[in-house]
Amino acid sequence: MYAKLNNGALEYAPQNYKLNDGRTIVGFNKSVALMTRYGFKEVIDQQPSYNADTEYLVITGYTEQDTTITIVYAVKQMDLVEQELTTDEKILQLKQVDTEHEEALAELTEMILSLQEGGLQ
């Protein structure tokens, strides 16, 4: 694939390229010589390895050299909501939330009882 950077975004070489004088080059993206003549460069798109179950890729930018443009990636961690959890993992998550709710209720009950005791004295 050949492209050029246009305001920070890749503009891939079109099938037919319209020149400033109105003429059109048909089959433009089939000719490396024509694409390079009009400023298009080979795109290097090498994605880093990542775990598709827990991570995803984000394009963070491009590095432009004399004859190539390299896509720069960052590997990001998915939120737990985005991940595919097994049934056992979902059960563990629910148990954890349940435990947190029980602890919060116990604390609230203690607070209410201590307020009531304080008001009676």
C-alpha atoms as a PDB file:
ATOM      1  CA  MET A   1       0.000   0.000   0.000  1.00  0.00           C
ATOM      2  CA  TYR A   2       1.130   3.534  -0.755  1.00  0.00           C
ATOM      3  CA  ALA A   3      -0.061   6.693   0.949  1.00  0.00           C
ATOM      4  CA  LYS A   4       0.973  10.183   1.981  1.00  0.00           C
ATOM      5  CA  LEU A   5       0.375  12.090   5.175  1.00  0.00           C
ATOM      6  CA  ASN A   6      -2.265  14.789   4.884  1.00  0.00           C
ATOM      7  CA  ASN A   7      -2.851  16.825   8.083  1.00  0.00           C
ATOM      8  CA  GLY A   8      -1.619  13.916  10.214  1.00  0.00           C
ATOM      9  CA  ALA A   9      -3.820  11.297   8.522  1.00  0.00           C
ATOM     10  CA  LEU A  10      -2.905   8.679   5.945  1.00  0.00           C
ATOM     11  CA  GLU A  11      -4.272   9.352   2.482  1.00  0.00           C
ATOM     12  CA  TYR A  12      -3.969   6.126   0.523  1.00  0.00           C
ATOM     13  CA  ALA A  13      -3.187   6.222  -3.179  1.00  0.00           C
ATOM     14  CA  PRO A  14      -6.471   6.210  -5.118  1.00  0.00           C
ATOM     15  CA  GLN A  15      -7.270   3.956  -8.046  1.00  0.00           C
ATOM     16  CA  ASN A  16      -7.515   7.027 -10.278  1.00  0.00           C
ATOM     17  CA  TYR A  17      -5.522  10.168  -9.400  1.00  0.00           C
ATOM     18  CA  LYS A  18      -6.764  13.584 -10.445  1.00  0.00           C
ATOM     19  CA  LEU A  19      -4.013  16.062 -11.309  1.00  0.00           C
ATOM     20  CA  ASN A  20      -4.215  19.795 -10.555  1.00  0.00           C
ATOM     21  CA  ASP A  21      -4.779  20.571 -14.245  1.00  0.00           C
ATOM     22  CA  GLY A  22      -7.912  18.365 -14.313  1.00  0.00           C
ATOM     23  CA  ARG A  23      -6.420  15.344 -16.038  1.00  0.00           C
ATOM     24  CA  THR A  24      -6.837  11.909 -14.408  1.00  0.00           C
ATOM     25  CA  ILE A  25      -4.304   9.098 -14.212  1.00  0.00           C
ATOM     26  CA  VAL A  26      -6.266   5.847 -14.525  1.00  0.00           C
ATOM     27  CA  GLY A  27      -4.882   2.850 -12.629  1.00  0.00           C
ATOM     28  CA  PHE A  28      -2.717   5.165 -10.546  1.00  0.00           C
ATOM     29  CA  ASN A  29      -2.432   2.824  -7.541  1.00  0.00           C
ATOM     30  CA  LYS A  30      -1.064   0.040  -9.777  1.00  0.00           C
ATOM     31  CA  SER A  31       2.120   1.976 -10.653  1.00  0.00           C
ATOM     32  CA  VAL A  32       4.798   2.379  -7.968  1.00  0.00           C
ATOM     33  CA  ALA A  33       6.698   4.790 -10.232  1.00  0.00           C
ATOM     34  CA  LEU A  34       3.671   7.101 -10.581  1.00  0.00           C
ATOM     35  CA  MET A  35       2.747   6.938  -6.903  1.00  0.00           C
ATOM     36  CA  THR A  36       6.274   7.834  -5.776  1.00  0.00           C
ATOM     37  CA  ARG A  37       6.502  10.580  -8.421  1.00  0.00           C
ATOM     38  CA  TYR A  38       3.439  12.264  -6.886  1.00  0.00           C
ATOM     39  CA  GLY A  39       4.650  11.983  -3.299  1.00  0.00           C
ATOM     40  CA  PHE A  40       3.102   8.724  -2.155  1.00  0.00           C
ATOM     41  CA  LYS A  41       5.273   6.446  -0.013  1.00  0.00           C
ATOM     42  CA  GLU A  42       5.175   2.769   0.898  1.00  0.00           C
ATOM     43  CA  VAL A  43       3.241   2.181   4.135  1.00  0.00           C
ATOM     44  CA  ILE A  44       4.931  -0.087   6.674  1.00  0.00           C
ATOM     45  CA  ASP A  45       2.175  -1.608   8.806  1.00  0.00           C
ATOM     46  CA  GLN A  46       3.728  -4.040  11.287  1.00  0.00           C
ATOM     47  CA  GLN A  47       1.382  -4.549  14.200  1.00  0.00           C
ATOM     48  CA  PRO A  48       3.029  -5.546  17.479  1.00  0.00           C
ATOM     49  CA  SER A  49       2.002  -8.805  19.107  1.00  0.00           C
ATOM     50  CA  TYR A  50      -0.750  -8.531  21.706  1.00  0.00           C
ATOM     51  CA  ASN A  51      -3.355 -10.657  23.469  1.00  0.00           C
ATOM     52  CA  ALA A  52      -6.632  -9.983  21.634  1.00  0.00           C
ATOM     53  CA  ASP A  53      -8.622 -11.213  24.656  1.00  0.00           C
ATOM     54  CA  THR A  54      -7.235  -8.586  27.055  1.00  0.00           C
ATOM     55  CA  GLU A  55      -5.549  -5.944  24.882  1.00  0.00           C
ATOM     56  CA  TYR A  56      -6.149  -3.856  21.771  1.00  0.00           C
ATOM     57  CA  LEU A  57      -4.091  -1.697  19.421  1.00  0.00           C
ATOM     58  CA  VAL A  58      -4.293   2.059  18.990  1.00  0.00           C
ATOM     59  CA  ILE A  59      -2.555   3.995  16.214  1.00  0.00           C
ATOM     60  CA  THR A  60      -0.568   6.711  17.996  1.00  0.00           C
ATOM     61  CA  GLY A  61       1.015   8.291  14.934  1.00  0.00           C
ATOM     62  CA  TYR A  62       3.233   7.838  11.936  1.00  0.00           C
ATOM     63  CA  THR A  63       6.964   7.999  11.290  1.00  0.00           C
ATOM     64  CA  GLU A  64       7.826   9.366   7.867  1.00  0.00           C
ATOM     65  CA  GLN A  65      11.108   8.592   6.129  1.00  0.00           C
ATOM     66  CA  ASP A  66      12.296   9.444   2.616  1.00  0.00           C
ATOM     67  CA  THR A  67      10.500   6.534   0.946  1.00  0.00           C
ATOM     68  CA  THR A  68       8.265   5.032   3.653  1.00  0.00           C
ATOM     69  CA  ILE A  69       5.641   5.883   6.258  1.00  0.00           C
ATOM     70  CA  THR A  70       5.527   3.596   9.300  1.00  0.00           C
ATOM     71  CA  ILE A  71       2.353   3.254  11.364  1.00  0.00           C
ATOM     72  CA  VAL A  72       3.141   3.513  15.104  1.00  0.00           C
ATOM     73  CA  TYR A  73       0.976   1.417  17.434  1.00  0.00           C
ATOM     74  CA  ALA A  74       0.438   1.286  21.199  1.00  0.00           C
ATOM     75  CA  VAL A  75      -0.901  -1.779  23.013  1.00  0.00           C
ATOM     76  CA  LYS A  76      -3.673  -0.866  25.481  1.00  0.00           C
ATOM     77  CA  GLN A  77      -5.330  -2.941  28.197  1.00  0.00           C
ATOM     78  CA  MET A  78      -9.074  -3.560  27.880  1.00  0.00           C
ATOM     79  CA  ASP A  79     -11.374  -2.651  30.723  1.00  0.00           C
ATOM     80  CA  LEU A  80     -12.866  -5.725  32.377  1.00  0.00           C
ATOM     81  CA  VAL A  81     -16.202  -4.851  30.740  1.00  0.00           C
ATOM     82  CA  GLU A  82     -14.628  -5.181  27.274  1.00  0.00           C
ATOM     83  CA  GLN A  83     -12.982  -8.531  27.997  1.00  0.00           C
ATOM     84  CA  GLU A  84     -14.610 -11.852  27.343  1.00  0.00           C
ATOM     85  CA  LEU A  85     -14.877 -13.423  30.787  1.00  0.00           C
ATOM     86  CA  THR A  86     -15.389 -17.110  31.454  1.00  0.00           C
ATOM     87  CA  THR A  87     -18.396 -18.184  33.520  1.00  0.00           C
ATOM     88  CA  ASP A  88     -16.135 -18.874  36.517  1.00  0.00           C
ATOM     89  CA  GLU A  89     -14.572 -15.389  36.238  1.00  0.00           C
ATOM     90  CA  LYS A  90     -18.039 -13.796  36.097  1.00  0.00           C
ATOM     91  CA  ILE A  91     -19.119 -15.745  39.206  1.00  0.00           C
ATOM     92  CA  LEU A  92     -15.985 -14.598  41.064  1.00  0.00           C
ATOM     93  CA  GLN A  93     -16.672 -11.000  40.046  1.00  0.00           C
ATOM     94  CA  LEU A  94     -20.265 -11.220  41.298  1.00  0.00           C
ATOM     95  CA  LYS A  95     -19.124 -12.771  44.592  1.00  0.00           C
ATOM     96  CA  GLN A  96     -16.630  -9.927  45.065  1.00  0.00           C
ATOM     97  CA  VAL A  97     -19.330  -7.299  44.441  1.00  0.00           C
ATOM     98  CA  ASP A  98     -21.663  -9.160  46.809  1.00  0.00           C
ATOM     99  CA  THR A  99     -18.994  -9.199  49.532  1.00  0.00           C
ATOM    100  CA  GLU A 100     -18.333  -5.467  49.051  1.00  0.00           C
ATOM    101  CA  HIS A 101     -22.068  -4.741  49.395  1.00  0.00           C
ATOM    102  CA  GLU A 102     -22.306  -6.825  52.586  1.00  0.00           C
ATOM    103  CA  GLU A 103     -19.315  -4.985  54.080  1.00  0.00           C
ATOM    104  CA  ALA A 104     -20.834  -1.606  53.185  1.00  0.00           C
ATOM    105  CA  LEU A 105     -24.173  -2.600  54.789  1.00  0.00           C
ATOM    106  CA  ALA A 106     -22.375  -3.735  57.952  1.00  0.00           C
ATOM    107  CA  GLU A 107     -20.549  -0.384  58.174  1.00  0.00           C
ATOM    108  CA  LEU A 108     -23.785   1.567  57.664  1.00  0.00           C
ATOM    109  CA  THR A 109     -25.549  -0.509  60.324  1.00  0.00           C
ATOM    110  CA  GLU A 110     -22.689   0.184  62.770  1.00  0.00           C
ATOM    111  CA  MET A 111     -22.878   3.913  62.008  1.00  0.00           C
ATOM    112  CA  ILE A 112     -26.641   4.013  62.565  1.00  0.00           C
ATOM    113  CA  LEU A 113     -26.385   2.055  65.816  1.00  0.00           C
ATOM    114  CA  SER A 114     -23.619   4.299  67.133  1.00  0.00           C
ATOM    115  CA  LEU A 115     -25.650   7.399  66.219  1.00  0.00           C
ATOM    116  CA  GLN A 116     -28.696   5.985  67.975  1.00  0.00           C
ATOM    117  CA  GLU A 117     -26.638   5.138  71.063  1.00  0.00           C
ATOM    118  CA  GLY A 118     -25.109   8.603  71.055  1.00  0.00           C
ATOM    119  CA  GLY A 119     -28.549  10.208  70.875  1.00  0.00           C
ATOM    120  CA  LEU A 120     -29.877   8.182  73.819  1.00  0.00           C
ATOM    121  CA  GLN A 121     -27.166   9.269  76.250  1.00  0.00           C
END
